[in-house]
Amino acid sequence: MQTTSAEAAVCAVLRNLGIQYEREHIVMRPNGRPLFVDVWVPSLRIGMELDGSHHRDCLDVYDIPRDQWIEKETGFKILRQWNKWATDPGLEYRLKSVLKLL
């Protein structure tokens, strides 16, 4: 899958902080179909989803239940943000603030 500018920005900050991550991590569903998590950070036990505006219509119906299922199955916390969160100035500060809470 193609990396979005938001995903690339988050990955660059994680890399600069020396935090290892995986892009497009696969979590397998019981039916054998994969779910992809944008950024997976094993050392912090988090997955990050960075969404464009097309997610506005499916957040309650698809994204939230999906995140809850992934959290239950993996024990990882899923952090979901809009792409703008990652592309506006100050991403490193915001990301460090979130990581301190973990």
PDB file of N, CA and C in Angstrom:
ATOM      1  N   MET A   1       0.835  -1.182   0.000  1.00  0.00           N
ATOM      2  CA  MET A   1       0.000   0.000   0.000  1.00  0.00           C
ATOM      3  C   MET A   1       0.880   1.245   0.000  1.00  0.00           C
ATOM      4  N   GLN A   2       0.371   2.279  -0.592  1.00  0.00           N
ATOM      5  CA  GLN A   2       1.132   3.524  -0.687  1.00  0.00           C
ATOM      6  C   GLN A   2       1.053   4.294   0.628  1.00  0.00           C
ATOM      7  N   THR A   3       2.188   4.814   1.051  1.00  0.00           N
ATOM      8  CA  THR A   3       2.263   5.590   2.281  1.00  0.00           C
ATOM      9  C   THR A   3       1.705   6.988   2.044  1.00  0.00           C
ATOM     10  N   THR A   4       0.827   7.433   2.956  1.00  0.00           N
ATOM     11  CA  THR A   4       0.307   8.796   2.874  1.00  0.00           C
ATOM     12  C   THR A   4       1.318   9.762   3.486  1.00  0.00           C
ATOM     13  N   SER A   5       1.146  11.055   3.210  1.00  0.00           N
ATOM     14  CA  SER A   5       2.053  12.045   3.790  1.00  0.00           C
ATOM     15  C   SER A   5       1.938  12.057   5.314  1.00  0.00           C
ATOM     16  N   ALA A   6       0.738  11.797   5.844  1.00  0.00           N
ATOM     17  CA  ALA A   6       0.554  11.751   7.300  1.00  0.00           C
ATOM     18  C   ALA A   6       1.317  10.570   7.900  1.00  0.00           C
ATOM     19  N   GLU A   7       1.207   9.422   7.269  1.00  0.00           N
ATOM     20  CA  GLU A   7       1.928   8.243   7.766  1.00  0.00           C
ATOM     21  C   GLU A   7       3.435   8.447   7.678  1.00  0.00           C
ATOM     22  N   ALA A   8       3.896   9.030   6.585  1.00  0.00           N
ATOM     23  CA  ALA A   8       5.327   9.292   6.427  1.00  0.00           C
ATOM     24  C   ALA A   8       5.826  10.254   7.500  1.00  0.00           C
ATOM     25  N   ALA A   9       5.013  11.258   7.837  1.00  0.00           N
ATOM     26  CA  ALA A   9       5.409  12.231   8.860  1.00  0.00           C
ATOM     27  C   ALA A   9       5.531  11.559  10.230  1.00  0.00           C
ATOM     28  N   VAL A  10       4.549  10.735  10.587  1.00  0.00           N
ATOM     29  CA  VAL A  10       4.600  10.032  11.882  1.00  0.00           C
ATOM     30  C   VAL A  10       5.803   9.103  11.919  1.00  0.00           C
ATOM     31  N   CYS A  11       6.037   8.369  10.847  1.00  0.00           N
ATOM     32  CA  CYS A  11       7.168   7.450  10.807  1.00  0.00           C
ATOM     33  C   CYS A  11       8.496   8.199  10.929  1.00  0.00           C
ATOM     34  N   ALA A  12       8.600   9.367  10.306  1.00  0.00           N
ATOM     35  CA  ALA A  12       9.836  10.159  10.397  1.00  0.00           C
ATOM     36  C   ALA A  12      10.091  10.593  11.831  1.00  0.00           C
ATOM     37  N   VAL A  13       9.048  11.020  12.536  1.00  0.00           N
ATOM     38  CA  VAL A  13       9.219  11.430  13.938  1.00  0.00           C
ATOM     39  C   VAL A  13       9.615  10.233  14.794  1.00  0.00           C
ATOM     40  N   LEU A  14       8.940   9.101  14.610  1.00  0.00           N
ATOM     41  CA  LEU A  14       9.291   7.899  15.381  1.00  0.00           C
ATOM     42  C   LEU A  14      10.740   7.511  15.120  1.00  0.00           C
ATOM     43  N   ARG A  15      11.156   7.550  13.867  1.00  0.00           N
ATOM     44  CA  ARG A  15      12.534   7.220  13.506  1.00  0.00           C
ATOM     45  C   ARG A  15      13.508   8.184  14.179  1.00  0.00           C
ATOM     46  N   ASN A  16      13.193   9.487  14.162  1.00  0.00           N
ATOM     47  CA  ASN A  16      14.059  10.489  14.803  1.00  0.00           C
ATOM     48  C   ASN A  16      14.151  10.286  16.310  1.00  0.00           C
ATOM     49  N   LEU A  17      13.087   9.740  16.902  1.00  0.00           N
ATOM     50  CA  LEU A  17      13.082   9.468  18.339  1.00  0.00           C
ATOM     51  C   LEU A  17      13.722   8.116  18.672  1.00  0.00           C
ATOM     52  N   GLY A  18      14.131   7.381  17.651  1.00  0.00           N
ATOM     53  CA  GLY A  18      14.752   6.075  17.858  1.00  0.00           C
ATOM     54  C   GLY A  18      13.757   4.977  18.216  1.00  0.00           C
ATOM     55  N   ILE A  19      12.498   5.167  17.856  1.00  0.00           N
ATOM     56  CA  ILE A  19      11.455   4.188  18.162  1.00  0.00           C
ATOM     57  C   ILE A  19      11.214   3.338  16.928  1.00  0.00           C
ATOM     58  N   GLN A  20      11.364   2.024  17.085  1.00  0.00           N
ATOM     59  CA  GLN A  20      11.143   1.118  15.964  1.00  0.00           C
ATOM     60  C   GLN A  20       9.650   0.938  15.727  1.00  0.00           C
ATOM     61  N   TYR A  21       9.281   0.792  14.478  1.00  0.00           N
ATOM     62  CA  TYR A  21       7.877   0.665  14.094  1.00  0.00           C
ATOM     63  C   TYR A  21       7.779  -0.199  12.847  1.00  0.00           C
ATOM     64  N   GLU A  22       6.571  -0.640  12.560  1.00  0.00           N
ATOM     65  CA  GLU A  22       6.279  -1.350  11.320  1.00  0.00           C
ATOM     66  C   GLU A  22       5.201  -0.566  10.587  1.00  0.00           C
ATOM     67  N   ARG A  23       5.295  -0.517   9.279  1.00  0.00           N
ATOM     68  CA  ARG A  23       4.261   0.097   8.449  1.00  0.00           C
ATOM     69  C   ARG A  23       3.343  -1.001   7.940  1.00  0.00           C
ATOM     70  N   GLU A  24       2.053  -0.709   7.893  1.00  0.00           N
ATOM     71  CA  GLU A  24       1.056  -1.634   7.362  1.00  0.00           C
ATOM     72  C   GLU A  24       1.148  -3.022   8.010  1.00  0.00           C
ATOM     73  N   HIS A  25       1.143  -3.027   9.320  1.00  0.00           N
ATOM     74  CA  HIS A  25       1.185  -4.283  10.068  1.00  0.00           C
ATOM     75  C   HIS A  25      -0.113  -5.064   9.823  1.00  0.00           C
ATOM     76  N   ILE A  26      -0.003  -6.348   9.654  1.00  0.00           N
ATOM     77  CA  ILE A  26      -1.167  -7.193   9.388  1.00  0.00           C
ATOM     78  C   ILE A  26      -1.623  -7.880  10.666  1.00  0.00           C
ATOM     79  N   VAL A  27      -2.921  -7.757  10.946  1.00  0.00           N
ATOM     80  CA  VAL A  27      -3.580  -8.507  12.019  1.00  0.00           C
ATOM     81  C   VAL A  27      -4.599  -9.401  11.317  1.00  0.00           C
ATOM     82  N   MET A  28      -4.463 -10.698  11.493  1.00  0.00           N
ATOM     83  CA  MET A  28      -5.349 -11.632  10.793  1.00  0.00           C
ATOM     84  C   MET A  28      -6.662 -11.816  11.541  1.00  0.00           C
ATOM     85  N   ARG A  29      -7.749 -11.740  10.805  1.00  0.00           N
ATOM     86  CA  ARG A  29      -9.080 -12.014  11.356  1.00  0.00           C
ATOM     87  C   ARG A  29      -9.313 -13.517  11.366  1.00  0.00           C
ATOM     88  N   PRO A  30     -10.279 -13.976  12.158  1.00  0.00           N
ATOM     89  CA  PRO A  30     -10.575 -15.406  12.203  1.00  0.00           C
ATOM     90  C   PRO A  30     -10.947 -15.982  10.829  1.00  0.00           C
ATOM     91  N   ASN A  31     -11.515 -15.163   9.959  1.00  0.00           N
ATOM     92  CA  ASN A  31     -11.894 -15.645   8.629  1.00  0.00           C
ATOM     93  C   ASN A  31     -10.713 -15.687   7.656  1.00  0.00           C
ATOM     94  N   GLY A  32      -9.515 -15.351   8.159  1.00  0.00           N
ATOM     95  CA  GLY A  32      -8.319 -15.400   7.335  1.00  0.00           C
ATOM     96  C   GLY A  32      -8.056 -14.146   6.524  1.00  0.00           C
ATOM     97  N   ARG A  33      -8.931 -13.161   6.625  1.00  0.00           N
ATOM     98  CA  ARG A  33      -8.734 -11.916   5.892  1.00  0.00           C
ATOM     99  C   ARG A  33      -7.942 -10.935   6.760  1.00  0.00           C
ATOM    100  N   PRO A  34      -6.964 -10.262   6.164  1.00  0.00           N
ATOM    101  CA  PRO A  34      -6.112  -9.374   6.957  1.00  0.00           C
ATOM    102  C   PRO A  34      -6.745  -8.016   7.229  1.00  0.00           C
ATOM    103  N   LEU A  35      -6.370  -7.457   8.368  1.00  0.00           N
ATOM    104  CA  LEU A  35      -6.622  -6.051   8.678  1.00  0.00           C
ATOM    105  C   LEU A  35      -5.251  -5.384   8.710  1.00  0.00           C
ATOM    106  N   PHE A  36      -5.143  -4.217   8.132  1.00  0.00           N
ATOM    107  CA  PHE A  36      -3.871  -3.497   8.099  1.00  0.00           C
ATOM    108  C   PHE A  36      -3.924  -2.328   9.069  1.00  0.00           C
ATOM    109  N   VAL A  37      -2.887  -2.198   9.881  1.00  0.00           N
ATOM    110  CA  VAL A  37      -2.748  -1.070  10.803  1.00  0.00           C
ATOM    111  C   VAL A  37      -1.631  -0.193  10.240  1.00  0.00           C
ATOM    112  N   ASP A  38      -1.904   1.106  10.094  1.00  0.00           N
ATOM    113  CA  ASP A  38      -0.967   2.014   9.423  1.00  0.00           C
ATOM    114  C   ASP A  38       0.434   1.978  10.019  1.00  0.00           C
ATOM    115  N   VAL A  39       0.528   2.175  11.324  1.00  0.00           N
ATOM    116  CA  VAL A  39       1.830   2.202  12.006  1.00  0.00           C
ATOM    117  C   VAL A  39       1.708   1.364  13.270  1.00  0.00           C
ATOM    118  N   TRP A  40       2.613   0.401  13.448  1.00  0.00           N
ATOM    119  CA  TRP A  40       2.582  -0.542  14.559  1.00  0.00           C
ATOM    120  C   TRP A  40       3.859  -0.367  15.353  1.00  0.00           C
ATOM    121  N   VAL A  41       3.745  -0.107  16.652  1.00  0.00           N
ATOM    122  CA  VAL A  41       4.916   0.155  17.490  1.00  0.00           C
ATOM    123  C   VAL A  41       4.968  -0.900  18.602  1.00  0.00           C
ATOM    124  N   PRO A  42       5.654  -2.017  18.344  1.00  0.00           N
ATOM    125  CA  PRO A  42       5.662  -3.120  19.309  1.00  0.00           C
ATOM    126  C   PRO A  42       6.180  -2.744  20.699  1.00  0.00           C
ATOM    127  N   SER A  43       7.215  -1.912  20.759  1.00  0.00           N
ATOM    128  CA  SER A  43       7.802  -1.593  22.072  1.00  0.00           C
ATOM    129  C   SER A  43       6.826  -0.819  22.961  1.00  0.00           C
ATOM    130  N   LEU A  44       5.888  -0.101  22.360  1.00  0.00           N
ATOM    131  CA  LEU A  44       4.910   0.682  23.124  1.00  0.00           C
ATOM    132  C   LEU A  44       3.535   0.023  23.149  1.00  0.00           C
ATOM    133  N   ARG A  45       3.405  -1.083  22.426  1.00  0.00           N
ATOM    134  CA  ARG A  45       2.142  -1.831  22.331  1.00  0.00           C
ATOM    135  C   ARG A  45       0.997  -0.943  21.838  1.00  0.00           C
ATOM    136  N   ILE A  46       1.317  -0.175  20.776  1.00  0.00           N
ATOM    137  CA  ILE A  46       0.288   0.658  20.152  1.00  0.00           C
ATOM    138  C   ILE A  46       0.292   0.459  18.640  1.00  0.00           C
ATOM    139  N   GLY A  47      -0.863   0.694  18.061  1.00  0.00           N
ATOM    140  CA  GLY A  47      -1.012   0.802  16.621  1.00  0.00           C
ATOM    141  C   GLY A  47      -1.591   2.173  16.355  1.00  0.00           C
ATOM    142  N   MET A  48      -1.203   2.773  15.253  1.00  0.00           N
ATOM    143  CA  MET A  48      -1.714   4.106  14.920  1.00  0.00           C
ATOM    144  C   MET A  48      -2.424   4.059  13.583  1.00  0.00           C
ATOM    145  N   GLU A  49      -3.604   4.638  13.551  1.00  0.00           N
ATOM    146  CA  GLU A  49      -4.384   4.773  12.325  1.00  0.00           C
ATOM    147  C   GLU A  49      -4.498   6.259  12.007  1.00  0.00           C
ATOM    148  N   LEU A  50      -4.137   6.631  10.807  1.00  0.00           N
ATOM    149  CA  LEU A  50      -4.200   8.015  10.358  1.00  0.00           C
ATOM    150  C   LEU A  50      -5.198   8.078   9.209  1.00  0.00           C
ATOM    151  N   ASP A  51      -6.275   8.804   9.433  1.00  0.00           N
ATOM    152  CA  ASP A  51      -7.417   8.751   8.533  1.00  0.00           C
ATOM    153  C   ASP A  51      -7.651  10.030   7.752  1.00  0.00           C
ATOM    154  N   GLY A  52      -8.076   9.856   6.515  1.00  0.00           N
ATOM    155  CA  GLY A  52      -8.534  10.961   5.691  1.00  0.00           C
ATOM    156  C   GLY A  52     -10.020  11.185   5.892  1.00  0.00           C
ATOM    157  N   SER A  53     -10.547  12.150   5.188  1.00  0.00           N
ATOM    158  CA  SER A  53     -11.944  12.538   5.373  1.00  0.00           C
ATOM    159  C   SER A  53     -12.928  11.442   4.989  1.00  0.00           C
ATOM    160  N   HIS A  54     -12.520  10.500   4.166  1.00  0.00           N
ATOM    161  CA  HIS A  54     -13.432   9.424   3.777  1.00  0.00           C
ATOM    162  C   HIS A  54     -13.835   8.536   4.960  1.00  0.00           C
ATOM    163  N   HIS A  55     -13.126   8.623   6.066  1.00  0.00           N
ATOM    164  CA  HIS A  55     -13.463   7.823   7.257  1.00  0.00           C
ATOM    165  C   HIS A  55     -14.592   8.444   8.081  1.00  0.00           C
ATOM    166  N   ARG A  56     -14.945   9.686   7.805  1.00  0.00           N
ATOM    167  CA  ARG A  56     -16.008  10.338   8.591  1.00  0.00           C
ATOM    168  C   ARG A  56     -17.312   9.556   8.568  1.00  0.00           C
ATOM    169  N   ASP A  57     -17.620   8.966   7.427  1.00  0.00           N
ATOM    170  CA  ASP A  57     -18.891   8.267   7.272  1.00  0.00           C
ATOM    171  C   ASP A  57     -18.878   6.848   7.832  1.00  0.00           C
ATOM    172  N   CYS A  58     -17.702   6.301   8.102  1.00  0.00           N
ATOM    173  CA  CYS A  58     -17.650   4.908   8.549  1.00  0.00           C
ATOM    174  C   CYS A  58     -17.042   4.754   9.938  1.00  0.00           C
ATOM    175  N   LEU A  59     -16.766   5.845  10.611  1.00  0.00           N
ATOM    176  CA  LEU A  59     -16.095   5.774  11.907  1.00  0.00           C
ATOM    177  C   LEU A  59     -16.860   4.911  12.907  1.00  0.00           C
ATOM    178  N   ASP A  60     -18.141   5.210  13.112  1.00  0.00           N
ATOM    179  CA  ASP A  60     -18.939   4.461  14.093  1.00  0.00           C
ATOM    180  C   ASP A  60     -19.270   3.058  13.623  1.00  0.00           C
ATOM    181  N   VAL A  61     -19.488   2.906  12.344  1.00  0.00           N
ATOM    182  CA  VAL A  61     -19.948   1.620  11.812  1.00  0.00           C
ATOM    183  C   VAL A  61     -18.798   0.640  11.609  1.00  0.00           C
ATOM    184  N   TYR A  62     -17.657   1.131  11.181  1.00  0.00           N
ATOM    185  CA  TYR A  62     -16.558   0.244  10.830  1.00  0.00           C
ATOM    186  C   TYR A  62     -15.308   0.439  11.687  1.00  0.00           C
ATOM    187  N   ASP A  63     -14.809   1.667  11.771  1.00  0.00           N
ATOM    188  CA  ASP A  63     -13.498   1.900  12.384  1.00  0.00           C
ATOM    189  C   ASP A  63     -13.467   1.606  13.882  1.00  0.00           C
ATOM    190  N   ILE A  64     -14.424   2.090  14.630  1.00  0.00           N
ATOM    191  CA  ILE A  64     -14.402   1.877  16.084  1.00  0.00           C
ATOM    192  C   ILE A  64     -14.531   0.399  16.433  1.00  0.00           C
ATOM    193  N   PRO A  65     -15.509  -0.335  15.846  1.00  0.00           N
ATOM    194  CA  PRO A  65     -15.557  -1.783  16.138  1.00  0.00           C
ATOM    195  C   PRO A  65     -14.290  -2.515  15.708  1.00  0.00           C
ATOM    196  N   ARG A  66     -13.695  -2.108  14.597  1.00  0.00           N
ATOM    197  CA  ARG A  66     -12.444  -2.707  14.119  1.00  0.00           C
ATOM    198  C   ARG A  66     -11.333  -2.484  15.138  1.00  0.00           C
ATOM    199  N   ASP A  67     -11.197  -1.238  15.599  1.00  0.00           N
ATOM    200  CA  ASP A  67     -10.166  -0.922  16.597  1.00  0.00           C
ATOM    201  C   ASP A  67     -10.378  -1.727  17.874  1.00  0.00           C
ATOM    202  N   GLN A  68     -11.606  -1.816  18.321  1.00  0.00           N
ATOM    203  CA  GLN A  68     -11.905  -2.566  19.541  1.00  0.00           C
ATOM    204  C   GLN A  68     -11.543  -4.034  19.378  1.00  0.00           C
ATOM    205  N   TRP A  69     -11.823  -4.604  18.218  1.00  0.00           N
ATOM    206  CA  TRP A  69     -11.496  -6.004  17.980  1.00  0.00           C
ATOM    207  C   TRP A  69      -9.983  -6.201  17.990  1.00  0.00           C
ATOM    208  N   ILE A  70      -9.245  -5.311  17.306  1.00  0.00           N
ATOM    209  CA  ILE A  70      -7.781  -5.418  17.277  1.00  0.00           C
ATOM    210  C   ILE A  70      -7.214  -5.304  18.690  1.00  0.00           C
ATOM    211  N   GLU A  71      -7.720  -4.355  19.466  1.00  0.00           N
ATOM    212  CA  GLU A  71      -7.238  -4.178  20.847  1.00  0.00           C
ATOM    213  C   GLU A  71      -7.482  -5.435  21.669  1.00  0.00           C
ATOM    214  N   LYS A  72      -8.649  -6.018  21.531  1.00  0.00           N
ATOM    215  CA  LYS A  72      -8.994  -7.232  22.296  1.00  0.00           C
ATOM    216  C   LYS A  72      -8.105  -8.410  21.879  1.00  0.00           C
ATOM    217  N   GLU A  73      -7.885  -8.565  20.593  1.00  0.00           N
ATOM    218  CA  GLU A  73      -7.119  -9.708  20.087  1.00  0.00           C
ATOM    219  C   GLU A  73      -5.619  -9.594  20.313  1.00  0.00           C
ATOM    220  N   THR A  74      -5.084  -8.368  20.286  1.00  0.00           N
ATOM    221  CA  THR A  74      -3.628  -8.195  20.341  1.00  0.00           C
ATOM    222  C   THR A  74      -3.119  -7.639  21.665  1.00  0.00           C
ATOM    223  N   GLY A  75      -3.995  -6.980  22.421  1.00  0.00           N
ATOM    224  CA  GLY A  75      -3.548  -6.291  23.625  1.00  0.00           C
ATOM    225  C   GLY A  75      -2.888  -4.954  23.333  1.00  0.00           C
ATOM    226  N   PHE A  76      -2.850  -4.549  22.076  1.00  0.00           N
ATOM    227  CA  PHE A  76      -2.290  -3.256  21.687  1.00  0.00           C
ATOM    228  C   PHE A  76      -3.401  -2.217  21.711  1.00  0.00           C
ATOM    229  N   LYS A  77      -3.067  -0.991  22.055  1.00  0.00           N
ATOM    230  CA  LYS A  77      -4.005   0.124  22.010  1.00  0.00           C
ATOM    231  C   LYS A  77      -3.934   0.744  20.620  1.00  0.00           C
ATOM    232  N   ILE A  78      -5.089   1.015  20.027  1.00  0.00           N
ATOM    233  CA  ILE A  78      -5.126   1.661  18.722  1.00  0.00           C
ATOM    234  C   ILE A  78      -5.401   3.151  18.918  1.00  0.00           C
ATOM    235  N   LEU A  79      -4.494   3.974  18.399  1.00  0.00           N
ATOM    236  CA  LEU A  79      -4.634   5.423  18.453  1.00  0.00           C
ATOM    237  C   LEU A  79      -5.052   5.895  17.066  1.00  0.00           C
ATOM    238  N   ARG A  80      -6.202   6.514  16.967  1.00  0.00           N
ATOM    239  CA  ARG A  80      -6.731   6.959  15.672  1.00  0.00           C
ATOM    240  C   ARG A  80      -6.749   8.487  15.631  1.00  0.00           C
ATOM    241  N   GLN A  81      -6.148   9.031  14.583  1.00  0.00           N
ATOM    242  CA  GLN A  81      -6.094  10.482  14.392  1.00  0.00           C
ATOM    243  C   GLN A  81      -6.407  10.812  12.940  1.00  0.00           C
ATOM    244  N   TRP A  82      -6.859  12.044  12.712  1.00  0.00           N
ATOM    245  CA  TRP A  82      -7.050  12.531  11.354  1.00  0.00           C
ATOM    246  C   TRP A  82      -5.690  12.865  10.745  1.00  0.00           C
ATOM    247  N   ASN A  83      -5.576  12.743   9.449  1.00  0.00           N
ATOM    248  CA  ASN A  83      -4.317  13.055   8.756  1.00  0.00           C
ATOM    249  C   ASN A  83      -3.798  14.440   9.117  1.00  0.00           C
ATOM    250  N   LYS A  84      -4.694  15.404   9.265  1.00  0.00           N
ATOM    251  CA  LYS A  84      -4.287  16.779   9.577  1.00  0.00           C
ATOM    252  C   LYS A  84      -3.474  16.848  10.869  1.00  0.00           C
ATOM    253  N   TRP A  85      -3.787  15.985  11.833  1.00  0.00           N
ATOM    254  CA  TRP A  85      -3.053  15.925  13.095  1.00  0.00           C
ATOM    255  C   TRP A  85      -1.575  15.669  12.840  1.00  0.00           C
ATOM    256  N   ALA A  86      -1.284  14.871  11.821  1.00  0.00           N
ATOM    257  CA  ALA A  86       0.092  14.482  11.539  1.00  0.00           C
ATOM    258  C   ALA A  86       0.792  15.389  10.542  1.00  0.00           C
ATOM    259  N   THR A  87       0.038  16.191   9.823  1.00  0.00           N
ATOM    260  CA  THR A  87       0.670  17.027   8.798  1.00  0.00           C
ATOM    261  C   THR A  87       0.787  18.493   9.204  1.00  0.00           C
ATOM    262  N   ASP A  88       0.104  18.903  10.252  1.00  0.00           N
ATOM    263  CA  ASP A  88       0.241  20.273  10.747  1.00  0.00           C
ATOM    264  C   ASP A  88       1.557  20.425  11.506  1.00  0.00           C
ATOM    265  N   PRO A  89       2.106  21.632  11.574  1.00  0.00           N
ATOM    266  CA  PRO A  89       3.337  21.857  12.351  1.00  0.00           C
ATOM    267  C   PRO A  89       3.144  21.436  13.812  1.00  0.00           C
ATOM    268  N   GLY A  90       4.202  20.980  14.413  1.00  0.00           N
ATOM    269  CA  GLY A  90       4.150  20.598  15.822  1.00  0.00           C
ATOM    270  C   GLY A  90       3.897  19.123  16.054  1.00  0.00           C
ATOM    271  N   LEU A  91       4.003  18.299  15.001  1.00  0.00           N
ATOM    272  CA  LEU A  91       3.729  16.865  15.151  1.00  0.00           C
ATOM    273  C   LEU A  91       4.634  16.229  16.200  1.00  0.00           C
ATOM    274  N   GLU A  92       5.914  16.534  16.166  1.00  0.00           N
ATOM    275  CA  GLU A  92       6.831  15.879  17.113  1.00  0.00           C
ATOM    276  C   GLU A  92       6.413  16.171  18.556  1.00  0.00           C
ATOM    277  N   TYR A  93       6.054  17.416  18.843  1.00  0.00           N
ATOM    278  CA  TYR A  93       5.603  17.775  20.188  1.00  0.00           C
ATOM    279  C   TYR A  93       4.333  17.001  20.547  1.00  0.00           C
ATOM    280  N   ARG A  94       3.356  16.967  19.629  1.00  0.00           N
ATOM    281  CA  ARG A  94       2.100  16.254  19.908  1.00  0.00           C
ATOM    282  C   ARG A  94       2.346  14.770  20.108  1.00  0.00           C
ATOM    283  N   LEU A  95       3.181  14.187  19.266  1.00  0.00           N
ATOM    284  CA  LEU A  95       3.453  12.759  19.371  1.00  0.00           C
ATOM    285  C   LEU A  95       4.189  12.436  20.676  1.00  0.00           C
ATOM    286  N   LYS A  96       5.165  13.254  21.045  1.00  0.00           N
ATOM    287  CA  LYS A  96       5.864  13.042  22.324  1.00  0.00           C
ATOM    288  C   LYS A  96       4.881  13.144  23.490  1.00  0.00           C
ATOM    289  N   SER A  97       3.944  14.077  23.423  1.00  0.00           N
ATOM    290  CA  SER A  97       2.956  14.237  24.485  1.00  0.00           C
ATOM    291  C   SER A  97       2.085  12.995  24.618  1.00  0.00           C
ATOM    292  N   VAL A  98       1.670  12.433  23.494  1.00  0.00           N
ATOM    293  CA  VAL A  98       0.862  11.210  23.508  1.00  0.00           C
ATOM    294  C   VAL A  98       1.682  10.044  24.056  1.00  0.00           C
ATOM    295  N   LEU A  99       2.910   9.916  23.611  1.00  0.00           N
ATOM    296  CA  LEU A  99       3.755   8.793  24.038  1.00  0.00           C
ATOM    297  C   LEU A  99       4.048   8.848  25.536  1.00  0.00           C
ATOM    298  N   LYS A 100       4.128  10.036  26.111  1.00  0.00           N
ATOM    299  CA  LYS A 100       4.354  10.161  27.570  1.00  0.00           C
ATOM    300  C   LYS A 100       3.196   9.565  28.359  1.00  0.00           C
ATOM    301  N   LEU A 101       2.001   9.581  27.781  1.00  0.00           N
ATOM    302  CA  LEU A 101       0.822   9.062  28.475  1.00  0.00           C
ATOM    303  C   LEU A 101       0.767   7.540  28.497  1.00  0.00           C
ATOM    304  N   LEU A 102       1.584   6.913  27.685  1.00  0.00           N
ATOM    305  CA  LEU A 102       1.548   5.443  27.605  1.00  0.00           C
ATOM    306  C   LEU A 102       2.362   4.780  28.674  1.00  0.00           C
TER     307      LEU A 102
END
